[in-house]
């Protein structure tokens, strides 16, 4: 089962994900997440409790981050587990999204 929570502090939000980010989850997140985040200046996506991300999850992540950045919102990915980090780097997400999207200790 996948869940997420949003903790808003002034102009910053921390979105914490828990569970596998797969095709079932992407439809839910596409509908629920973006509009609630548009009021922020900075968003931290905490992957600390995510152990699996499939191709649909990667696609959602790319489109979500690009959408938020087009709106002038800074996005940071944090707390990647080693297996998820390996997939992100094999798929060259730092090159696609920019190294500044990943927390310093993630790169």
PDB file of N, CA and C in Angstrom:
ATOM      1  N   UNK A   1       0.826  -1.182   0.000  1.00  0.00           N
ATOM      2  CA  UNK A   1       0.000   0.000   0.000  1.00  0.00           C
ATOM      3  C   UNK A   1       0.876   1.253   0.000  1.00  0.00           C
ATOM      4  N   UNK A   2       0.488   2.228  -0.785  1.00  0.00           N
ATOM      5  CA  UNK A   2       1.241   3.473  -0.915  1.00  0.00           C
ATOM      6  C   UNK A   2       0.477   4.603  -0.234  1.00  0.00           C
ATOM      7  N   UNK A   3       1.200   5.409   0.523  1.00  0.00           N
ATOM      8  CA  UNK A   3       0.611   6.594   1.130  1.00  0.00           C
ATOM      9  C   UNK A   3       1.581   7.757   0.980  1.00  0.00           C
ATOM     10  N   UNK A   4       1.048   8.937   1.136  1.00  0.00           N
ATOM     11  CA  UNK A   4       1.902  10.118   1.173  1.00  0.00           C
ATOM     12  C   UNK A   4       1.309  11.125   2.142  1.00  0.00           C
ATOM     13  N   UNK A   5       2.183  11.979   2.640  1.00  0.00           N
ATOM     14  CA  UNK A   5       1.722  13.056   3.512  1.00  0.00           C
ATOM     15  C   UNK A   5       2.433  14.334   3.098  1.00  0.00           C
ATOM     16  N   UNK A   6       1.747  15.451   3.324  1.00  0.00           N
ATOM     17  CA  UNK A   6       2.319  16.750   2.994  1.00  0.00           C
ATOM     18  C   UNK A   6       2.383  17.564   4.279  1.00  0.00           C
ATOM     19  N   UNK A   7       3.587  18.001   4.593  1.00  0.00           N
ATOM     20  CA  UNK A   7       3.801  18.837   5.771  1.00  0.00           C
ATOM     21  C   UNK A   7       4.213  20.221   5.275  1.00  0.00           C
ATOM     22  N   UNK A   8       3.303  21.204   5.394  1.00  0.00           N
ATOM     23  CA  UNK A   8       3.588  22.552   4.908  1.00  0.00           C
ATOM     24  C   UNK A   8       4.089  23.433   6.036  1.00  0.00           C
ATOM     25  N   UNK A   9       5.184  24.149   5.733  1.00  0.00           N
ATOM     26  CA  UNK A   9       5.758  25.108   6.667  1.00  0.00           C
ATOM     27  C   UNK A   9       6.026  26.381   5.881  1.00  0.00           C
ATOM     28  N   UNK A  10       5.219  27.392   6.099  1.00  0.00           N
ATOM     29  CA  UNK A  10       5.328  28.653   5.369  1.00  0.00           C
ATOM     30  C   UNK A  10       5.316  28.396   3.868  1.00  0.00           C
ATOM     31  N   UNK A  11       6.417  28.712   3.188  1.00  0.00           N
ATOM     32  CA  UNK A  11       6.459  28.560   1.730  1.00  0.00           C
ATOM     33  C   UNK A  11       7.154  27.267   1.304  1.00  0.00           C
ATOM     34  N   UNK A  12       7.397  26.371   2.240  1.00  0.00           N
ATOM     35  CA  UNK A  12       8.073  25.103   1.964  1.00  0.00           C
ATOM     36  C   UNK A  12       7.164  23.941   2.344  1.00  0.00           C
ATOM     37  N   UNK A  13       7.193  22.887   1.527  1.00  0.00           N
ATOM     38  CA  UNK A  13       6.433  21.673   1.833  1.00  0.00           C
ATOM     39  C   UNK A  13       7.341  20.457   1.733  1.00  0.00           C
ATOM     40  N   UNK A  14       7.116  19.523   2.639  1.00  0.00           N
ATOM     41  CA  UNK A  14       7.802  18.233   2.572  1.00  0.00           C
ATOM     42  C   UNK A  14       6.745  17.192   2.240  1.00  0.00           C
ATOM     43  N   UNK A  15       6.947  16.524   1.103  1.00  0.00           N
ATOM     44  CA  UNK A  15       6.042  15.458   0.689  1.00  0.00           C
ATOM     45  C   UNK A  15       6.757  14.142   0.975  1.00  0.00           C
ATOM     46  N   UNK A  16       6.228  13.373   1.905  1.00  0.00           N
ATOM     47  CA  UNK A  16       6.836  12.097   2.290  1.00  0.00           C
ATOM     48  C   UNK A  16       6.029  10.958   1.679  1.00  0.00           C
ATOM     49  N   UNK A  17       6.721  10.138   0.909  1.00  0.00           N
ATOM     50  CA  UNK A  17       6.106   8.985   0.270  1.00  0.00           C
ATOM     51  C   UNK A  17       6.431   7.734   1.073  1.00  0.00           C
ATOM     52  N   UNK A  18       5.496   6.766   1.066  1.00  0.00           N
ATOM     53  CA  UNK A  18       5.742   5.487   1.731  1.00  0.00           C
ATOM     54  C   UNK A  18       5.104   4.374   0.911  1.00  0.00           C
ATOM     55  N   UNK A  19       5.924   3.388   0.536  1.00  0.00           N
ATOM     56  CA  UNK A  19       5.442   2.256  -0.247  1.00  0.00           C
ATOM     57  C   UNK A  19       6.066   2.246  -1.627  1.00  0.00           C
ATOM     58  N   UNK A  20       5.560   1.377  -2.487  1.00  0.00           N
ATOM     59  CA  UNK A  20       6.070   1.263  -3.853  1.00  0.00           C
ATOM     60  C   UNK A  20       5.369   2.264  -4.755  1.00  0.00           C
ATOM     61  N   UNK A  21       6.161   2.982  -5.548  1.00  0.00           N
ATOM     62  CA  UNK A  21       5.607   3.950  -6.487  1.00  0.00           C
ATOM     63  C   UNK A  21       5.493   3.265  -7.847  1.00  0.00           C
ATOM     64  N   UNK A  22       4.293   2.733  -8.113  1.00  0.00           N
ATOM     65  CA  UNK A  22       4.079   1.990  -9.352  1.00  0.00           C
ATOM     66  C   UNK A  22       2.896   2.569 -10.121  1.00  0.00           C
ATOM     67  N   UNK A  23       2.465   1.870 -11.151  1.00  0.00           N
ATOM     68  CA  UNK A  23       1.416   2.389 -12.038  1.00  0.00           C
ATOM     69  C   UNK A  23       0.115   2.696 -11.302  1.00  0.00           C
ATOM     70  N   UNK A  24      -0.240   1.903 -10.304  1.00  0.00           N
ATOM     71  CA  UNK A  24      -1.471   2.151  -9.546  1.00  0.00           C
ATOM     72  C   UNK A  24      -1.403   3.482  -8.796  1.00  0.00           C
ATOM     73  N   UNK A  25      -0.235   3.804  -8.314  1.00  0.00           N
ATOM     74  CA  UNK A  25      -0.037   5.009  -7.525  1.00  0.00           C
ATOM     75  C   UNK A  25       0.009   6.259  -8.398  1.00  0.00           C
ATOM     76  N   UNK A  26       0.583   6.139  -9.582  1.00  0.00           N
ATOM     77  CA  UNK A  26       0.777   7.332 -10.408  1.00  0.00           C
ATOM     78  C   UNK A  26      -0.542   8.007 -10.757  1.00  0.00           C
ATOM     79  N   UNK A  27      -1.584   7.238 -11.004  1.00  0.00           N
ATOM     80  CA  UNK A  27      -2.878   7.852 -11.324  1.00  0.00           C
ATOM     81  C   UNK A  27      -3.413   8.665 -10.153  1.00  0.00           C
ATOM     82  N   UNK A  28      -3.232   8.155  -8.958  1.00  0.00           N
ATOM     83  CA  UNK A  28      -3.691   8.867  -7.760  1.00  0.00           C
ATOM     84  C   UNK A  28      -2.886  10.151  -7.579  1.00  0.00           C
ATOM     85  N   UNK A  29      -1.569  10.033  -7.665  1.00  0.00           N
ATOM     86  CA  UNK A  29      -0.717  11.195  -7.448  1.00  0.00           C
ATOM     87  C   UNK A  29      -0.902  12.261  -8.522  1.00  0.00           C
ATOM     88  N   UNK A  30      -1.122  11.846  -9.766  1.00  0.00           N
ATOM     89  CA  UNK A  30      -1.341  12.819 -10.837  1.00  0.00           C
ATOM     90  C   UNK A  30      -2.557  13.687 -10.536  1.00  0.00           C
ATOM     91  N   UNK A  31      -3.578  13.091  -9.967  1.00  0.00           N
ATOM     92  CA  UNK A  31      -4.812  13.815  -9.676  1.00  0.00           C
ATOM     93  C   UNK A  31      -4.721  14.650  -8.400  1.00  0.00           C
ATOM     94  N   UNK A  32      -4.020  14.158  -7.394  1.00  0.00           N
ATOM     95  CA  UNK A  32      -4.056  14.782  -6.075  1.00  0.00           C
ATOM     96  C   UNK A  32      -2.906  15.737  -5.772  1.00  0.00           C
ATOM     97  N   UNK A  33      -1.705  15.395  -6.191  1.00  0.00           N
ATOM     98  CA  UNK A  33      -0.542  16.149  -5.734  1.00  0.00           C
ATOM     99  C   UNK A  33      -0.362  17.546  -6.327  1.00  0.00           C
ATOM    100  N   UNK A  34      -0.304  17.710  -7.633  1.00  0.00           N
ATOM    101  CA  UNK A  34       0.135  19.008  -8.159  1.00  0.00           C
ATOM    102  C   UNK A  34      -0.601  20.233  -7.634  1.00  0.00           C
ATOM    103  N   UNK A  35      -1.905  20.245  -7.659  1.00  0.00           N
ATOM    104  CA  UNK A  35      -2.630  21.456  -7.271  1.00  0.00           C
ATOM    105  C   UNK A  35      -2.381  21.849  -5.819  1.00  0.00           C
ATOM    106  N   UNK A  36      -2.171  20.888  -4.959  1.00  0.00           N
ATOM    107  CA  UNK A  36      -1.937  21.212  -3.552  1.00  0.00           C
ATOM    108  C   UNK A  36      -0.532  21.774  -3.316  1.00  0.00           C
ATOM    109  N   UNK A  37       0.357  21.627  -4.296  1.00  0.00           N
ATOM    110  CA  UNK A  37       1.729  22.082  -4.123  1.00  0.00           C
ATOM    111  C   UNK A  37       2.030  23.415  -4.805  1.00  0.00           C
ATOM    112  N   UNK A  38       1.117  23.920  -5.594  1.00  0.00           N
ATOM    113  CA  UNK A  38       1.379  25.127  -6.379  1.00  0.00           C
ATOM    114  C   UNK A  38       1.596  26.375  -5.530  1.00  0.00           C
ATOM    115  N   UNK A  39       1.199  26.356  -4.279  1.00  0.00           N
ATOM    116  CA  UNK A  39       1.347  27.531  -3.422  1.00  0.00           C
ATOM    117  C   UNK A  39       2.729  27.621  -2.769  1.00  0.00           C
ATOM    118  N   UNK A  40       3.560  26.619  -2.947  1.00  0.00           N
ATOM    119  CA  UNK A  40       4.861  26.557  -2.290  1.00  0.00           C
ATOM    120  C   UNK A  40       5.951  27.226  -3.122  1.00  0.00           C
ATOM    121  N   UNK A  41       7.026  27.594  -2.447  1.00  0.00           N
ATOM    122  CA  UNK A  41       8.231  28.096  -3.120  1.00  0.00           C
ATOM    123  C   UNK A  41       9.265  26.980  -3.245  1.00  0.00           C
ATOM    124  N   UNK A  42       9.223  26.032  -2.300  1.00  0.00           N
ATOM    125  CA  UNK A  42      10.161  24.912  -2.299  1.00  0.00           C
ATOM    126  C   UNK A  42       9.442  23.658  -1.835  1.00  0.00           C
ATOM    127  N   UNK A  43       9.753  22.542  -2.506  1.00  0.00           N
ATOM    128  CA  UNK A  43       9.153  21.256  -2.163  1.00  0.00           C
ATOM    129  C   UNK A  43      10.257  20.221  -2.023  1.00  0.00           C
ATOM    130  N   UNK A  44      10.226  19.511  -0.926  1.00  0.00           N
ATOM    131  CA  UNK A  44      11.165  18.409  -0.709  1.00  0.00           C
ATOM    132  C   UNK A  44      10.377  17.119  -0.847  1.00  0.00           C
ATOM    133  N   UNK A  45      10.808  16.268  -1.766  1.00  0.00           N
ATOM    134  CA  UNK A  45      10.187  14.955  -1.971  1.00  0.00           C
ATOM    135  C   UNK A  45      11.016  13.932  -1.205  1.00  0.00           C
ATOM    136  N   UNK A  46      10.475  13.446  -0.108  1.00  0.00           N
ATOM    137  CA  UNK A  46      11.182  12.518   0.770  1.00  0.00           C
ATOM    138  C   UNK A  46      10.865  11.083   0.345  1.00  0.00           C
ATOM    139  N   UNK A  47      11.885  10.394  -0.168  1.00  0.00           N
ATOM    140  CA  UNK A  47      11.747   9.010  -0.622  1.00  0.00           C
ATOM    141  C   UNK A  47      12.263   8.008   0.411  1.00  0.00           C
ATOM    142  N   UNK A  48      12.400   8.431   1.656  1.00  0.00           N
ATOM    143  CA  UNK A  48      12.981   7.589   2.695  1.00  0.00           C
ATOM    144  C   UNK A  48      12.272   6.262   2.933  1.00  0.00           C
ATOM    145  N   UNK A  49      10.974   6.187   2.623  1.00  0.00           N
ATOM    146  CA  UNK A  49      10.225   4.951   2.848  1.00  0.00           C
ATOM    147  C   UNK A  49       9.710   4.353   1.543  1.00  0.00           C
ATOM    148  N   UNK A  50      10.420   4.653   0.448  1.00  0.00           N
ATOM    149  CA  UNK A  50      10.081   4.088  -0.867  1.00  0.00           C
ATOM    150  C   UNK A  50      11.188   3.117  -1.249  1.00  0.00           C
ATOM    151  N   UNK A  51      10.811   1.856  -1.498  1.00  0.00           N
ATOM    152  CA  UNK A  51      11.825   0.862  -1.845  1.00  0.00           C
ATOM    153  C   UNK A  51      11.754   0.421  -3.301  1.00  0.00           C
ATOM    154  N   UNK A  52      10.748   0.901  -4.046  1.00  0.00           N
ATOM    155  CA  UNK A  52      10.606   0.500  -5.444  1.00  0.00           C
ATOM    156  C   UNK A  52       9.914   1.613  -6.225  1.00  0.00           C
ATOM    157  N   UNK A  53      10.455   1.924  -7.399  1.00  0.00           N
ATOM    158  CA  UNK A  53       9.827   2.875  -8.317  1.00  0.00           C
ATOM    159  C   UNK A  53       9.885   2.262  -9.707  1.00  0.00           C
ATOM    160  N   UNK A  54       8.715   2.096 -10.361  1.00  0.00           N
ATOM    161  CA  UNK A  54       8.717   1.537 -11.717  1.00  0.00           C
ATOM    162  C   UNK A  54       8.745   2.665 -12.750  1.00  0.00           C
ATOM    163  N   UNK A  55       8.666   2.293 -14.017  1.00  0.00           N
ATOM    164  CA  UNK A  55       8.797   3.280 -15.091  1.00  0.00           C
ATOM    165  C   UNK A  55       7.684   4.326 -15.060  1.00  0.00           C
ATOM    166  N   UNK A  56       6.485   3.944 -14.659  1.00  0.00           N
ATOM    167  CA  UNK A  56       5.405   4.929 -14.572  1.00  0.00           C
ATOM    168  C   UNK A  56       5.667   5.915 -13.431  1.00  0.00           C
ATOM    169  N   UNK A  57       6.245   5.433 -12.352  1.00  0.00           N
ATOM    170  CA  UNK A  57       6.618   6.306 -11.241  1.00  0.00           C
ATOM    171  C   UNK A  57       7.708   7.286 -11.647  1.00  0.00           C
ATOM    172  N   UNK A  58       8.675   6.817 -12.419  1.00  0.00           N
ATOM    173  CA  UNK A  58       9.740   7.688 -12.939  1.00  0.00           C
ATOM    174  C   UNK A  58       9.132   8.754 -13.846  1.00  0.00           C
ATOM    175  N   UNK A  59       8.241   8.334 -14.734  1.00  0.00           N
ATOM    176  CA  UNK A  59       7.585   9.285 -15.642  1.00  0.00           C
ATOM    177  C   UNK A  59       6.804  10.337 -14.881  1.00  0.00           C
ATOM    178  N   UNK A  60       6.066   9.903 -13.872  1.00  0.00           N
ATOM    179  CA  UNK A  60       5.311  10.842 -13.040  1.00  0.00           C
ATOM    180  C   UNK A  60       6.249  11.824 -12.352  1.00  0.00           C
ATOM    181  N   UNK A  61       7.324  11.314 -11.810  1.00  0.00           N
ATOM    182  CA  UNK A  61       8.285  12.158 -11.104  1.00  0.00           C
ATOM    183  C   UNK A  61       8.866  13.223 -12.030  1.00  0.00           C
ATOM    184  N   UNK A  62       9.259  12.811 -13.223  1.00  0.00           N
ATOM    185  CA  UNK A  62       9.822  13.763 -14.195  1.00  0.00           C
ATOM    186  C   UNK A  62       8.801  14.831 -14.551  1.00  0.00           C
ATOM    187  N   UNK A  63       7.586  14.422 -14.886  1.00  0.00           N
ATOM    188  CA  UNK A  63       6.578  15.414 -15.285  1.00  0.00           C
ATOM    189  C   UNK A  63       6.178  16.309 -14.117  1.00  0.00           C
ATOM    190  N   UNK A  64       6.076  15.755 -12.914  1.00  0.00           N
ATOM    191  CA  UNK A  64       5.737  16.549 -11.729  1.00  0.00           C
ATOM    192  C   UNK A  64       6.802  17.610 -11.471  1.00  0.00           C
ATOM    193  N   UNK A  65       8.064  17.194 -11.478  1.00  0.00           N
ATOM    194  CA  UNK A  65       9.153  18.139 -11.206  1.00  0.00           C
ATOM    195  C   UNK A  65       9.231  19.208 -12.285  1.00  0.00           C
ATOM    196  N   UNK A  66       9.099  18.818 -13.546  1.00  0.00           N
ATOM    197  CA  UNK A  66       9.138  19.808 -14.618  1.00  0.00           C
ATOM    198  C   UNK A  66       7.982  20.797 -14.497  1.00  0.00           C
ATOM    199  N   UNK A  67       6.795  20.312 -14.169  1.00  0.00           N
ATOM    200  CA  UNK A  67       5.637  21.175 -14.003  1.00  0.00           C
ATOM    201  C   UNK A  67       5.854  22.174 -12.862  1.00  0.00           C
ATOM    202  N   UNK A  68       6.336  21.685 -11.737  1.00  0.00           N
ATOM    203  CA  UNK A  68       6.564  22.555 -10.589  1.00  0.00           C
ATOM    204  C   UNK A  68       7.649  23.585 -10.880  1.00  0.00           C
ATOM    205  N   UNK A  69       8.716  23.170 -11.547  1.00  0.00           N
ATOM    206  CA  UNK A  69       9.797  24.108 -11.864  1.00  0.00           C
ATOM    207  C   UNK A  69       9.348  25.172 -12.854  1.00  0.00           C
ATOM    208  N   UNK A  70       8.475  24.816 -13.784  1.00  0.00           N
ATOM    209  CA  UNK A  70       7.935  25.811 -14.709  1.00  0.00           C
ATOM    210  C   UNK A  70       7.143  26.882 -13.969  1.00  0.00           C
ATOM    211  N   UNK A  71       6.636  26.545 -12.816  1.00  0.00           N
ATOM    212  CA  UNK A  71       5.879  27.488 -11.986  1.00  0.00           C
ATOM    213  C   UNK A  71       6.781  28.231 -11.006  1.00  0.00           C
ATOM    214  N   UNK A  72       8.097  28.016 -11.135  1.00  0.00           N
ATOM    215  CA  UNK A  72       9.051  28.712 -10.283  1.00  0.00           C
ATOM    216  C   UNK A  72       9.251  28.090  -8.918  1.00  0.00           C
ATOM    217  N   UNK A  73       8.871  26.839  -8.776  1.00  0.00           N
ATOM    218  CA  UNK A  73       8.983  26.143  -7.491  1.00  0.00           C
ATOM    219  C   UNK A  73      10.247  25.289  -7.501  1.00  0.00           C
ATOM    220  N   UNK A  74      11.066  25.440  -6.472  1.00  0.00           N
ATOM    221  CA  UNK A  74      12.284  24.630  -6.333  1.00  0.00           C
ATOM    222  C   UNK A  74      11.895  23.262  -5.782  1.00  0.00           C
ATOM    223  N   UNK A  75      12.444  22.208  -6.386  1.00  0.00           N
ATOM    224  CA  UNK A  75      12.131  20.837  -5.967  1.00  0.00           C
ATOM    225  C   UNK A  75      13.436  20.123  -5.601  1.00  0.00           C
ATOM    226  N   UNK A  76      13.407  19.413  -4.481  1.00  0.00           N
ATOM    227  CA  UNK A  76      14.559  18.635  -4.018  1.00  0.00           C
ATOM    228  C   UNK A  76      14.089  17.217  -3.720  1.00  0.00           C
ATOM    229  N   UNK A  77      14.844  16.228  -4.201  1.00  0.00           N
ATOM    230  CA  UNK A  77      14.584  14.820  -3.893  1.00  0.00           C
ATOM    231  C   UNK A  77      15.539  14.429  -2.768  1.00  0.00           C
ATOM    232  N   UNK A  78      14.992  13.831  -1.703  1.00  0.00           N
ATOM    233  CA  UNK A  78      15.839  13.488  -0.557  1.00  0.00           C
ATOM    234  C   UNK A  78      15.598  12.060  -0.081  1.00  0.00           C
ATOM    235  N   UNK A  79      16.560  11.577   0.699  1.00  0.00           N
ATOM    236  CA  UNK A  79      16.480  10.299   1.414  1.00  0.00           C
ATOM    237  C   UNK A  79      16.216   9.100   0.495  1.00  0.00           C
ATOM    238  N   UNK A  80      16.951   9.022  -0.593  1.00  0.00           N
ATOM    239  CA  UNK A  80      16.798   7.871  -1.494  1.00  0.00           C
ATOM    240  C   UNK A  80      17.425   6.627  -0.894  1.00  0.00           C
ATOM    241  N   UNK A  81      16.688   5.536  -0.907  1.00  0.00           N
ATOM    242  CA  UNK A  81      17.257   4.249  -0.519  1.00  0.00           C
ATOM    243  C   UNK A  81      18.222   3.804  -1.618  1.00  0.00           C
ATOM    244  N   UNK A  82      19.222   2.997  -1.288  1.00  0.00           N
ATOM    245  CA  UNK A  82      20.233   2.607  -2.275  1.00  0.00           C
ATOM    246  C   UNK A  82      19.662   1.992  -3.561  1.00  0.00           C
ATOM    247  N   UNK A  83      18.663   1.126  -3.455  1.00  0.00           N
ATOM    248  CA  UNK A  83      18.101   0.496  -4.654  1.00  0.00           C
ATOM    249  C   UNK A  83      17.391   1.508  -5.549  1.00  0.00           C
ATOM    250  N   UNK A  84      16.653   2.420  -4.945  1.00  0.00           N
ATOM    251  CA  UNK A  84      15.950   3.451  -5.716  1.00  0.00           C
ATOM    252  C   UNK A  84      16.965   4.421  -6.314  1.00  0.00           C
ATOM    253  N   UNK A  85      17.958   4.787  -5.527  1.00  0.00           N
ATOM    254  CA  UNK A  85      19.009   5.685  -6.018  1.00  0.00           C
ATOM    255  C   UNK A  85      19.714   5.080  -7.232  1.00  0.00           C
ATOM    256  N   UNK A  86      20.000   3.800  -7.164  1.00  0.00           N
ATOM    257  CA  UNK A  86      20.667   3.125  -8.274  1.00  0.00           C
ATOM    258  C   UNK A  86      19.827   3.208  -9.547  1.00  0.00           C
ATOM    259  N   UNK A  87      18.532   2.962  -9.437  1.00  0.00           N
ATOM    260  CA  UNK A  87      17.635   3.058 -10.602  1.00  0.00           C
ATOM    261  C   UNK A  87      17.617   4.485 -11.138  1.00  0.00           C
ATOM    262  N   UNK A  88      17.489   5.470 -10.263  1.00  0.00           N
ATOM    263  CA  UNK A  88      17.462   6.871 -10.694  1.00  0.00           C
ATOM    264  C   UNK A  88      18.735   7.237 -11.459  1.00  0.00           C
ATOM    265  N   UNK A  89      19.866   6.768 -10.966  1.00  0.00           N
ATOM    266  CA  UNK A  89      21.130   7.112 -11.605  1.00  0.00           C
ATOM    267  C   UNK A  89      21.363   6.300 -12.872  1.00  0.00           C
ATOM    268  N   UNK A  90      20.911   5.044 -12.913  1.00  0.00           N
ATOM    269  CA  UNK A  90      20.997   4.264 -14.152  1.00  0.00           C
ATOM    270  C   UNK A  90      20.171   4.889 -15.264  1.00  0.00           C
ATOM    271  N   UNK A  91      19.044   5.455 -14.900  1.00  0.00           N
ATOM    272  CA  UNK A  91      18.169   6.117 -15.870  1.00  0.00           C
ATOM    273  C   UNK A  91      18.569   7.570 -16.117  1.00  0.00           C
ATOM    274  N   UNK A  92      19.662   7.979 -15.503  1.00  0.00           N
ATOM    275  CA  UNK A  92      20.254   9.308 -15.688  1.00  0.00           C
ATOM    276  C   UNK A  92      19.321  10.451 -15.285  1.00  0.00           C
ATOM    277  N   UNK A  93      18.548  10.253 -14.243  1.00  0.00           N
ATOM    278  CA  UNK A  93      17.665  11.321 -13.772  1.00  0.00           C
ATOM    279  C   UNK A  93      18.416  12.583 -13.354  1.00  0.00           C
ATOM    280  N   UNK A  94      19.615  12.473 -12.754  1.00  0.00           N
ATOM    281  CA  UNK A  94      20.333  13.714 -12.448  1.00  0.00           C
ATOM    282  C   UNK A  94      20.649  14.536 -13.702  1.00  0.00           C
ATOM    283  N   UNK A  95      20.949  13.858 -14.805  1.00  0.00           N
ATOM    284  CA  UNK A  95      21.215  14.574 -16.053  1.00  0.00           C
ATOM    285  C   UNK A  95      19.928  15.173 -16.633  1.00  0.00           C
ATOM    286  N   UNK A  96      18.831  14.454 -16.488  1.00  0.00           N
ATOM    287  CA  UNK A  96      17.548  14.910 -17.040  1.00  0.00           C
ATOM    288  C   UNK A  96      16.979  16.062 -16.208  1.00  0.00           C
ATOM    289  N   UNK A  97      16.982  15.899 -14.888  1.00  0.00           N
ATOM    290  CA  UNK A  97      16.353  16.875 -14.001  1.00  0.00           C
ATOM    291  C   UNK A  97      17.330  17.912 -13.464  1.00  0.00           C
ATOM    292  N   UNK A  98      18.616  17.604 -13.517  1.00  0.00           N
ATOM    293  CA  UNK A  98      19.640  18.474 -12.951  1.00  0.00           C
ATOM    294  C   UNK A  98      20.105  17.934 -11.607  1.00  0.00           C
ATOM    295  N   UNK A  99      21.402  18.020 -11.382  1.00  0.00           N
ATOM    296  CA  UNK A  99      21.957  17.515 -10.132  1.00  0.00           C
ATOM    297  C   UNK A  99      21.458  18.303  -8.924  1.00  0.00           C
ATOM    298  N   UNK A 100      21.049  19.559  -9.141  1.00  0.00           N
ATOM    299  CA  UNK A 100      20.578  20.379  -8.028  1.00  0.00           C
ATOM    300  C   UNK A 100      19.234  19.904  -7.475  1.00  0.00           C
ATOM    301  N   UNK A 101      18.573  18.973  -8.154  1.00  0.00           N
ATOM    302  CA  UNK A 101      17.308  18.422  -7.657  1.00  0.00           C
ATOM    303  C   UNK A 101      17.558  17.407  -6.544  1.00  0.00           C
ATOM    304  N   UNK A 102      18.744  16.838  -6.516  1.00  0.00           N
ATOM    305  CA  UNK A 102      19.060  15.812  -5.523  1.00  0.00           C
ATOM    306  C   UNK A 102      19.820  16.416  -4.371  1.00  0.00           C
ATOM    307  N   UNK A 103      19.490  15.984  -3.145  1.00  0.00           N
ATOM    308  CA  UNK A 103      20.212  16.446  -1.977  1.00  0.00           C
ATOM    309  C   UNK A 103      21.684  16.152  -2.162  1.00  0.00           C
ATOM    310  N   UNK A 104      22.523  16.981  -1.609  1.00  0.00           N
ATOM    311  CA  UNK A 104      23.964  16.861  -1.793  1.00  0.00           C
ATOM    312  C   UNK A 104      24.471  15.464  -1.445  1.00  0.00           C
ATOM    313  N   UNK A 105      23.951  14.871  -0.386  1.00  0.00           N
ATOM    314  CA  UNK A 105      24.417  13.540  -0.002  1.00  0.00           C
ATOM    315  C   UNK A 105      23.883  12.429  -0.907  1.00  0.00           C
ATOM    316  N   UNK A 106      22.977  12.774  -1.816  1.00  0.00           N
ATOM    317  CA  UNK A 106      22.411  11.771  -2.731  1.00  0.00           C
ATOM    318  C   UNK A 106      23.243  11.625  -3.995  1.00  0.00           C
ATOM    319  N   UNK A 107      24.016  12.645  -4.356  1.00  0.00           N
ATOM    320  CA  UNK A 107      24.729  12.630  -5.639  1.00  0.00           C
ATOM    321  C   UNK A 107      26.079  12.001  -5.501  1.00  0.00           C
TER     322      UNK A 107
END
